[in-house]
Protein backbone atom coordinates (compact mmCIF):
# COMPACT_ATOMS: atom_id res chain seq x y z
CA MET A 1 137.05 -1.61 101.92
CA SER A 2 138.99 -2.17 98.70
CA LYS A 3 139.89 0.74 96.45
CA ARG A 4 137.86 -0.64 93.57
CA PHE A 5 134.75 -1.50 95.58
CA ILE A 6 132.64 1.50 94.54
CA TRP A 7 133.46 1.00 90.86
CA SER A 8 132.78 -2.75 90.96
CA LEU A 9 129.60 -2.05 92.92
CA PHE A 10 128.18 0.15 90.16
CA ALA A 11 129.26 -2.30 87.48
CA PHE A 12 127.57 -5.06 89.47
CA PHE A 13 124.13 -3.50 89.69
CA VAL A 14 124.26 -2.19 86.11
CA LEU A 15 124.63 -5.79 84.90
CA GLN A 16 121.89 -7.29 87.04
CA SER A 17 118.12 -7.37 87.34
CA CYS A 18 117.22 -4.25 89.32
CA ALA A 19 115.16 -1.06 89.42
CA VAL A 20 116.94 2.30 89.32
CA THR A 21 115.07 5.50 90.17
CA ASN A 22 116.83 8.80 89.48
CA THR A 23 115.50 12.14 90.71
CA PHE A 24 117.31 15.16 89.25
CA THR A 25 116.72 18.54 90.89
CA PHE A 26 117.64 21.59 88.81
CA HIS A 27 118.49 24.61 90.98
CA ASP A 28 118.32 28.24 89.90
CA ASP A 29 122.06 28.66 90.59
CA ALA A 30 122.72 26.35 87.60
CA THR A 31 123.66 23.36 89.78
CA ILE A 32 122.05 19.91 89.85
CA SER A 33 121.29 17.61 92.77
CA THR A 34 120.40 13.96 92.37
CA GLU A 35 119.03 11.12 94.41
CA THR A 36 119.33 7.61 93.04
CA VAL A 37 117.60 4.57 94.51
CA VAL A 38 118.82 1.14 93.43
CA ASP A 39 116.37 -1.62 94.39
CA MET A 40 117.92 -5.08 93.99
CA ARG A 41 115.02 -7.16 95.30
CA LYS A 42 114.41 -8.67 91.87
CA MET A 43 118.07 -9.63 91.63
CA GLU A 44 117.95 -11.30 95.04
CA GLU A 45 114.78 -13.21 94.17
CA LEU A 46 116.47 -14.46 91.01
CA ALA A 47 119.60 -15.47 92.91
CA GLN A 48 117.59 -17.29 95.58
CA SER A 49 115.49 -19.18 93.05
CA GLU A 50 118.47 -20.26 90.96
CA LYS A 51 121.29 -20.69 93.47
CA GLY A 52 119.75 -20.51 96.92
CA SER A 53 121.81 -17.36 97.35
CA SER A 54 121.14 -13.84 98.56
CA ILE A 55 122.57 -10.35 98.21
CA LYS A 56 124.86 -11.00 101.15
CA ASN A 57 126.29 -14.06 99.42
CA LEU A 58 127.10 -12.11 96.27
CA ASN A 59 130.12 -10.29 97.74
CA MET A 60 128.05 -7.22 98.52
CA ALA A 61 129.23 -5.13 101.45
CA SER A 62 126.79 -3.75 104.00
CA PHE A 63 125.64 -0.20 103.43
CA PRO A 64 125.20 2.23 106.32
CA LYS A 65 121.70 2.66 107.74
CA GLU A 66 122.23 6.41 107.95
CA TRP A 67 123.55 8.77 105.27
CA GLN A 68 127.35 8.73 105.03
CA THR A 69 129.61 10.62 102.65
CA LEU A 70 130.80 8.57 99.74
CA TYR A 71 134.32 9.68 100.68
CA ALA A 72 134.03 8.13 104.16
CA PHE A 73 132.35 5.02 102.76
CA LYS A 74 135.00 4.50 100.11
CA ASN A 75 137.91 5.41 102.42
CA ASP A 76 140.64 5.49 99.76
CA THR A 77 143.51 7.73 98.70
CA LEU A 78 142.11 9.99 95.99
CA SER A 79 143.00 13.05 93.97
CA ALA A 80 141.98 16.34 95.58
CA GLU A 81 139.38 16.90 92.86
CA THR A 82 137.74 13.49 93.26
CA GLU A 83 137.96 13.75 97.05
CA ASP A 84 135.93 16.97 97.02
CA LEU A 85 133.21 15.41 94.85
CA LEU A 86 132.93 12.33 97.06
CA LYS A 87 132.72 14.48 100.20
CA ARG A 88 129.67 16.17 98.67
CA SER A 89 128.06 12.84 97.83
CA ALA A 90 126.27 10.54 100.26
CA ILE A 91 125.24 6.89 100.36
CA LYS A 92 123.04 4.71 102.55
CA GLY A 93 121.45 1.30 102.37
CA LEU A 94 117.90 0.64 101.22
CA PHE A 95 116.07 -1.54 103.72
CA LYS A 96 112.76 -3.39 103.68
CA GLU A 97 111.68 -4.61 107.13
CA GLU A 98 115.29 -4.39 108.38
CA LYS A 99 116.52 -6.38 105.37
CA GLU A 100 118.99 -4.72 103.03
CA VAL A 101 117.61 -4.70 99.49
CA GLY A 102 119.75 -2.07 97.76
CA PHE A 103 121.18 1.40 98.29
CA GLN A 104 120.60 5.12 97.77
CA LEU A 105 123.03 7.74 96.46
CA ARG A 106 122.88 11.54 96.65
CA LEU A 107 124.86 14.25 94.88
CA ASP A 108 124.39 17.75 96.30
CA HIS A 109 124.47 20.91 94.17
CA PHE A 110 126.96 19.79 91.52
CA THR A 111 127.79 22.04 88.58
CA PRO A 112 127.21 20.43 85.15
CA GLU A 113 130.98 19.95 84.83
CA GLU A 114 131.19 18.26 88.24
CA CYS A 115 128.22 16.05 87.35
CA GLU A 116 130.01 14.87 84.24
CA LYS A 117 133.22 14.13 86.17
CA MET A 118 131.29 12.16 88.79
CA SER A 119 129.38 10.25 86.15
CA LYS A 120 132.64 9.22 84.45
CA THR A 121 134.14 8.24 87.80
CA LEU A 122 131.21 6.02 88.75
CA SER A 123 131.02 4.35 85.33
CA LYS A 124 134.73 3.44 84.97
CA SER A 125 134.10 -0.24 85.70
CA ALA A 126 130.69 -0.38 84.06
CA GLN A 127 132.03 -0.40 80.49
CA GLY A 128 131.25 3.25 79.99
CA ILE A 129 127.59 2.88 80.92
CA SER A 130 126.34 5.43 83.39
CA ILE A 131 123.06 5.45 85.29
CA PHE A 132 123.13 9.25 85.25
CA ASN A 133 123.94 10.27 81.64
CA PHE A 134 124.55 13.88 82.69
CA SER A 135 125.67 14.61 79.13
CA ALA A 136 121.95 14.63 78.26
CA PHE A 137 121.49 17.83 80.30
CA GLN A 138 122.54 21.38 79.43
CA TRP A 139 121.34 23.52 82.34
CA ASP A 140 122.05 27.20 82.90
CA GLY A 141 119.78 27.86 85.87
CA GLU A 142 116.80 28.87 83.75
CA THR A 143 116.66 26.69 80.63
CA LEU A 144 117.28 22.96 80.30
CA LEU A 145 118.18 21.44 76.95
CA LEU A 146 117.28 17.77 77.34
CA ASP A 147 118.69 15.23 74.89
CA MET A 148 116.18 12.37 75.06
CA LYS A 149 118.20 9.99 72.93
CA MET A 150 121.35 10.48 74.99
CA LEU A 151 119.46 10.11 78.27
CA GLU A 152 117.85 6.83 77.23
CA LYS A 153 120.65 5.29 75.18
CA GLY A 154 123.92 6.89 76.29
CA LYS A 155 126.55 9.01 74.57
CA GLY A 156 127.98 7.74 71.28
CA GLU A 157 127.29 4.73 69.10
CA ASP A 158 129.32 2.36 71.29
CA ALA A 159 127.38 3.29 74.44
CA GLU A 160 124.08 3.02 72.55
CA GLU A 161 124.92 -0.51 71.42
CA ARG A 162 126.00 -1.53 74.95
CA VAL A 163 122.73 -0.22 76.40
CA ALA A 164 120.75 -2.08 73.72
CA GLN A 165 122.60 -5.31 74.53
CA MET A 166 121.99 -4.77 78.25
CA LYS A 167 118.25 -4.38 77.71
CA ARG A 168 118.17 -7.57 75.68
CA MET A 169 120.10 -9.58 78.26
CA PHE A 170 118.94 -8.21 81.63
CA ASN A 171 115.78 -7.00 83.29
CA ILE A 172 116.72 -3.40 84.10
CA GLU A 173 114.12 -0.77 84.87
CA VAL A 174 115.20 2.88 84.95
CA ASN A 175 112.89 5.73 85.96
CA ASN A 176 113.92 9.39 85.71
CA THR A 177 112.15 12.33 87.36
CA LEU A 178 113.14 15.96 86.71
CA VAL A 179 112.32 18.49 89.44
CA PHE A 180 112.79 22.25 88.95
CA GLU A 181 113.14 24.78 91.78
CA ASN A 182 111.28 27.32 89.67
CA ARG A 183 108.00 26.79 87.85
CA ILE A 184 108.08 25.38 84.34
CA LYS A 185 107.17 28.23 82.00
CA LYS A 186 107.11 26.35 78.69
CA ILE A 187 108.29 23.18 76.99
CA LYS A 188 109.46 23.35 73.38
CA GLY A 189 109.20 20.01 71.62
CA LYS A 190 107.16 16.91 72.39
CA HIS A 191 108.13 13.33 73.14
CA PRO A 192 105.75 10.51 74.18
CA ASN A 193 108.12 9.40 76.94
CA LEU A 194 108.14 12.83 78.60
CA GLN A 195 105.24 13.51 80.96
CA LYS A 196 104.47 16.70 82.90
CA ILE A 197 103.37 15.84 86.44
CA ASP A 198 102.92 19.34 87.86
CA ALA A 199 104.31 22.89 87.53
CA HIS A 200 107.73 21.79 88.81
CA THR A 201 108.02 18.13 87.80
CA LEU A 202 108.55 16.04 84.66
CA ARG A 203 108.78 12.27 84.45
CA ILE A 204 110.55 10.29 81.76
CA VAL A 205 109.16 6.87 80.96
CA THR A 206 111.84 4.69 79.38
CA THR A 207 109.52 2.03 77.93
CA GLU A 208 109.27 1.63 74.18
CA THR A 209 106.83 4.04 72.54
CA ALA A 210 103.70 2.71 70.85
CA ASP A 211 105.08 3.71 67.47
CA SER A 212 108.80 2.98 67.77
CA LYS A 213 109.39 3.75 64.08
CA LYS A 214 108.06 7.28 64.34
CA LYS A 215 110.73 9.93 64.71
CA TYR A 216 110.51 12.34 67.62
CA PRO A 217 112.73 15.35 68.36
CA GLU A 218 115.86 14.30 70.20
CA GLN A 219 116.22 17.60 72.05
CA ILE A 220 113.56 19.14 74.26
CA GLU A 221 113.85 22.70 75.62
CA ILE A 222 112.38 23.35 79.06
CA VAL A 223 112.20 26.98 80.15
CA THR A 224 111.56 27.86 83.79
CA ARG A 225 110.31 31.06 85.38
CA LYS A 226 112.51 32.83 87.96
C-alpha cells in the first residue's frame, strides 16, 4: 500500500457524495474516543449511473472485514509520534450484503492534543478540511466547551470558505453525535442544531436552520456530573 494512500483516501471521500457519521465519546479522564462511519453508497450509485463504474473501479483499495490498526493497514515508515497514534486507531470496511460500501474508523482514548494531531494528519491531502474538527472541542473531563461554528464550518476563514464551496458542489451529509460517560448536568447556551437525546447524548444536526439570518451563540457549555 502506497505511503500516501490514507491521505488520498480521506481527500477522496471528502470530495465526493457520501454520508459521514461521527460519534464522539467524552471520557471522565479528559480523553476522547471517536467512531466514524463513511457510507459511499451514494457515490457508487452516481458513478454507476454516469460511467458504469463502481467503488472498486475508482482506485479504492479493499478494507479489512475485521478491525485492524491503522498502523498495520497503512504499513509505512512513520515518526514515533505518528506511529503511536496510528497504533491506537483502527479501521475496517463497511459492508452491505457482503458488498463493500465504505469504511469505519476508530480512535481510542485520545487526549485533546492527540486528537488535534491526528486530525491534522488525516486532513493533509484534503486541503485542510477535516471530518473531525477537534478544534471545536475543549474538554477537561467534566466540562465541554463546544464551538458550533468551528464544528460545522471549520477553523479559520479559509477553511470556512472551502467547506461552503464543498457544500455547494457536492452532496455531503455529516452527522455528529456527542456521548458523555457521565450524565449531562446542564447546558449553557442554546442552538437549534443541538438536540438532547438522553441524559448522556447530544446530536448535532448540520442542516440549515429555519432562520439562517438569526444569530445564535457560537459556544455552548456542557457540564457533566461525576
